[in-house]
């Protein structure tokens, strides 16, 4: 396994130490390894998995399905009169 040396801001170092003290990780090395793995996986291109386009996203589709009433064409023969 390759060894890497990094410098961390005090805030990050304190967060890692706190997680170890709380029992989230066995030791600092495990914490750094798992946290780096999680960070790298967030940037994974997912070549094995098909990429979901934004328009296929559930939230995006829901927003697209909504219509602004002000933009709707009023049909003069809609059956309602005032």
C-alpha atoms as a PDB file:
ATOM      1  CA  UNK A   1       0.000   0.000   0.000  1.00  0.00           C
ATOM      2  CA  UNK A   2       1.461   3.399  -0.945  1.00  0.00           C
ATOM      3  CA  UNK A   3       2.141   5.874   1.837  1.00  0.00           C
ATOM      4  CA  UNK A   4       1.077   9.494   1.495  1.00  0.00           C
ATOM      5  CA  UNK A   5       1.948  12.504   3.608  1.00  0.00           C
ATOM      6  CA  UNK A   6      -0.527  15.370   3.806  1.00  0.00           C
ATOM      7  CA  UNK A   7      -0.953  18.553   5.780  1.00  0.00           C
ATOM      8  CA  UNK A   8      -4.427  19.147   7.135  1.00  0.00           C
ATOM      9  CA  UNK A   9      -5.969  22.331   8.477  1.00  0.00           C
ATOM     10  CA  UNK A  10      -6.437  22.288  12.252  1.00  0.00           C
ATOM     11  CA  UNK A  11     -10.217  22.147  11.839  1.00  0.00           C
ATOM     12  CA  UNK A  12     -10.039  18.925   9.800  1.00  0.00           C
ATOM     13  CA  UNK A  13      -7.502  17.366  12.152  1.00  0.00           C
ATOM     14  CA  UNK A  14      -9.752  18.173  15.124  1.00  0.00           C
ATOM     15  CA  UNK A  15     -12.768  16.685  13.353  1.00  0.00           C
ATOM     16  CA  UNK A  16     -10.870  13.457  12.666  1.00  0.00           C
ATOM     17  CA  UNK A  17      -9.673  13.214  16.267  1.00  0.00           C
ATOM     18  CA  UNK A  18     -13.216  13.833  17.518  1.00  0.00           C
ATOM     19  CA  UNK A  19     -14.570  11.034  15.293  1.00  0.00           C
ATOM     20  CA  UNK A  20     -11.926   8.635  16.602  1.00  0.00           C
ATOM     21  CA  UNK A  21     -12.662   9.599  20.223  1.00  0.00           C
ATOM     22  CA  UNK A  22     -16.396   9.076  19.631  1.00  0.00           C
ATOM     23  CA  UNK A  23     -15.678   5.558  18.418  1.00  0.00           C
ATOM     24  CA  UNK A  24     -16.653   6.142  14.793  1.00  0.00           C
ATOM     25  CA  UNK A  25     -13.230   4.779  13.783  1.00  0.00           C
ATOM     26  CA  UNK A  26     -10.775   2.450  15.497  1.00  0.00           C
ATOM     27  CA  UNK A  27      -7.845   4.811  15.016  1.00  0.00           C
ATOM     28  CA  UNK A  28      -6.676   7.859  13.085  1.00  0.00           C
ATOM     29  CA  UNK A  29      -5.278   5.815  10.184  1.00  0.00           C
ATOM     30  CA  UNK A  30      -8.589   4.044   9.642  1.00  0.00           C
ATOM     31  CA  UNK A  31     -10.449   7.365   9.844  1.00  0.00           C
ATOM     32  CA  UNK A  32      -8.215   9.044   7.270  1.00  0.00           C
ATOM     33  CA  UNK A  33      -8.381   6.040   4.926  1.00  0.00           C
ATOM     34  CA  UNK A  34     -12.160   5.705   5.066  1.00  0.00           C
ATOM     35  CA  UNK A  35     -12.808   9.437   4.819  1.00  0.00           C
ATOM     36  CA  UNK A  36     -10.498   9.744   1.808  1.00  0.00           C
ATOM     37  CA  UNK A  37     -12.169   6.737   0.201  1.00  0.00           C
ATOM     38  CA  UNK A  38     -15.596   8.331   0.692  1.00  0.00           C
ATOM     39  CA  UNK A  39     -14.353  11.610  -0.775  1.00  0.00           C
ATOM     40  CA  UNK A  40     -12.786   9.952  -3.800  1.00  0.00           C
ATOM     41  CA  UNK A  41     -15.892   7.841  -4.413  1.00  0.00           C
ATOM     42  CA  UNK A  42     -17.948  11.046  -4.533  1.00  0.00           C
ATOM     43  CA  UNK A  43     -15.938  11.997  -7.623  1.00  0.00           C
ATOM     44  CA  UNK A  44     -16.096   8.515  -9.162  1.00  0.00           C
ATOM     45  CA  UNK A  45     -17.191   8.661 -12.779  1.00  0.00           C
ATOM     46  CA  UNK A  46     -19.067   5.398 -12.383  1.00  0.00           C
ATOM     47  CA  UNK A  47     -17.947   3.891 -15.690  1.00  0.00           C
ATOM     48  CA  UNK A  48     -19.685   0.654 -14.698  1.00  0.00           C
ATOM     49  CA  UNK A  49     -22.954   2.448 -14.009  1.00  0.00           C
ATOM     50  CA  UNK A  50     -24.858   4.476 -16.598  1.00  0.00           C
ATOM     51  CA  UNK A  51     -24.826   8.165 -15.798  1.00  0.00           C
ATOM     52  CA  UNK A  52     -28.252   9.587 -15.029  1.00  0.00           C
ATOM     53  CA  UNK A  53     -28.903  12.789 -16.917  1.00  0.00           C
ATOM     54  CA  UNK A  54     -30.314  15.698 -14.960  1.00  0.00           C
ATOM     55  CA  UNK A  55     -33.538  15.582 -16.968  1.00  0.00           C
ATOM     56  CA  UNK A  56     -34.032  11.969 -15.869  1.00  0.00           C
ATOM     57  CA  UNK A  57     -33.701  12.923 -12.221  1.00  0.00           C
ATOM     58  CA  UNK A  58     -36.929  12.564 -10.210  1.00  0.00           C
ATOM     59  CA  UNK A  59     -36.735  16.099  -8.811  1.00  0.00           C
ATOM     60  CA  UNK A  60     -36.046  17.624 -12.199  1.00  0.00           C
ATOM     61  CA  UNK A  61     -38.897  15.699 -13.770  1.00  0.00           C
ATOM     62  CA  UNK A  62     -41.290  16.834 -11.047  1.00  0.00           C
ATOM     63  CA  UNK A  63     -40.310  20.463 -11.553  1.00  0.00           C
ATOM     64  CA  UNK A  64     -40.667  20.121 -15.328  1.00  0.00           C
ATOM     65  CA  UNK A  65     -44.151  18.639 -14.921  1.00  0.00           C
ATOM     66  CA  UNK A  66     -45.323  21.719 -13.058  1.00  0.00           C
ATOM     67  CA  UNK A  67     -46.848  24.516 -15.091  1.00  0.00           C
ATOM     68  CA  UNK A  68     -46.998  28.185 -14.333  1.00  0.00           C
ATOM     69  CA  UNK A  69     -50.683  29.166 -14.565  1.00  0.00           C
ATOM     70  CA  UNK A  70     -49.698  32.569 -15.959  1.00  0.00           C
ATOM     71  CA  UNK A  71     -48.026  30.875 -18.928  1.00  0.00           C
ATOM     72  CA  UNK A  72     -50.954  28.625 -19.805  1.00  0.00           C
ATOM     73  CA  UNK A  73     -52.912  29.444 -22.956  1.00  0.00           C
ATOM     74  CA  UNK A  74     -56.462  30.391 -22.042  1.00  0.00           C
ATOM     75  CA  UNK A  75     -58.983  28.643 -24.220  1.00  0.00           C
ATOM     76  CA  UNK A  76     -61.898  31.046 -24.716  1.00  0.00           C
ATOM     77  CA  UNK A  77     -64.281  28.086 -25.061  1.00  0.00           C
ATOM     78  CA  UNK A  78     -63.331  26.401 -21.796  1.00  0.00           C
ATOM     79  CA  UNK A  79     -66.946  26.383 -20.678  1.00  0.00           C
ATOM     80  CA  UNK A  80     -66.598  28.869 -17.844  1.00  0.00           C
ATOM     81  CA  UNK A  81     -68.196  32.311 -17.999  1.00  0.00           C
ATOM     82  CA  UNK A  82     -68.417  35.158 -15.564  1.00  0.00           C
END
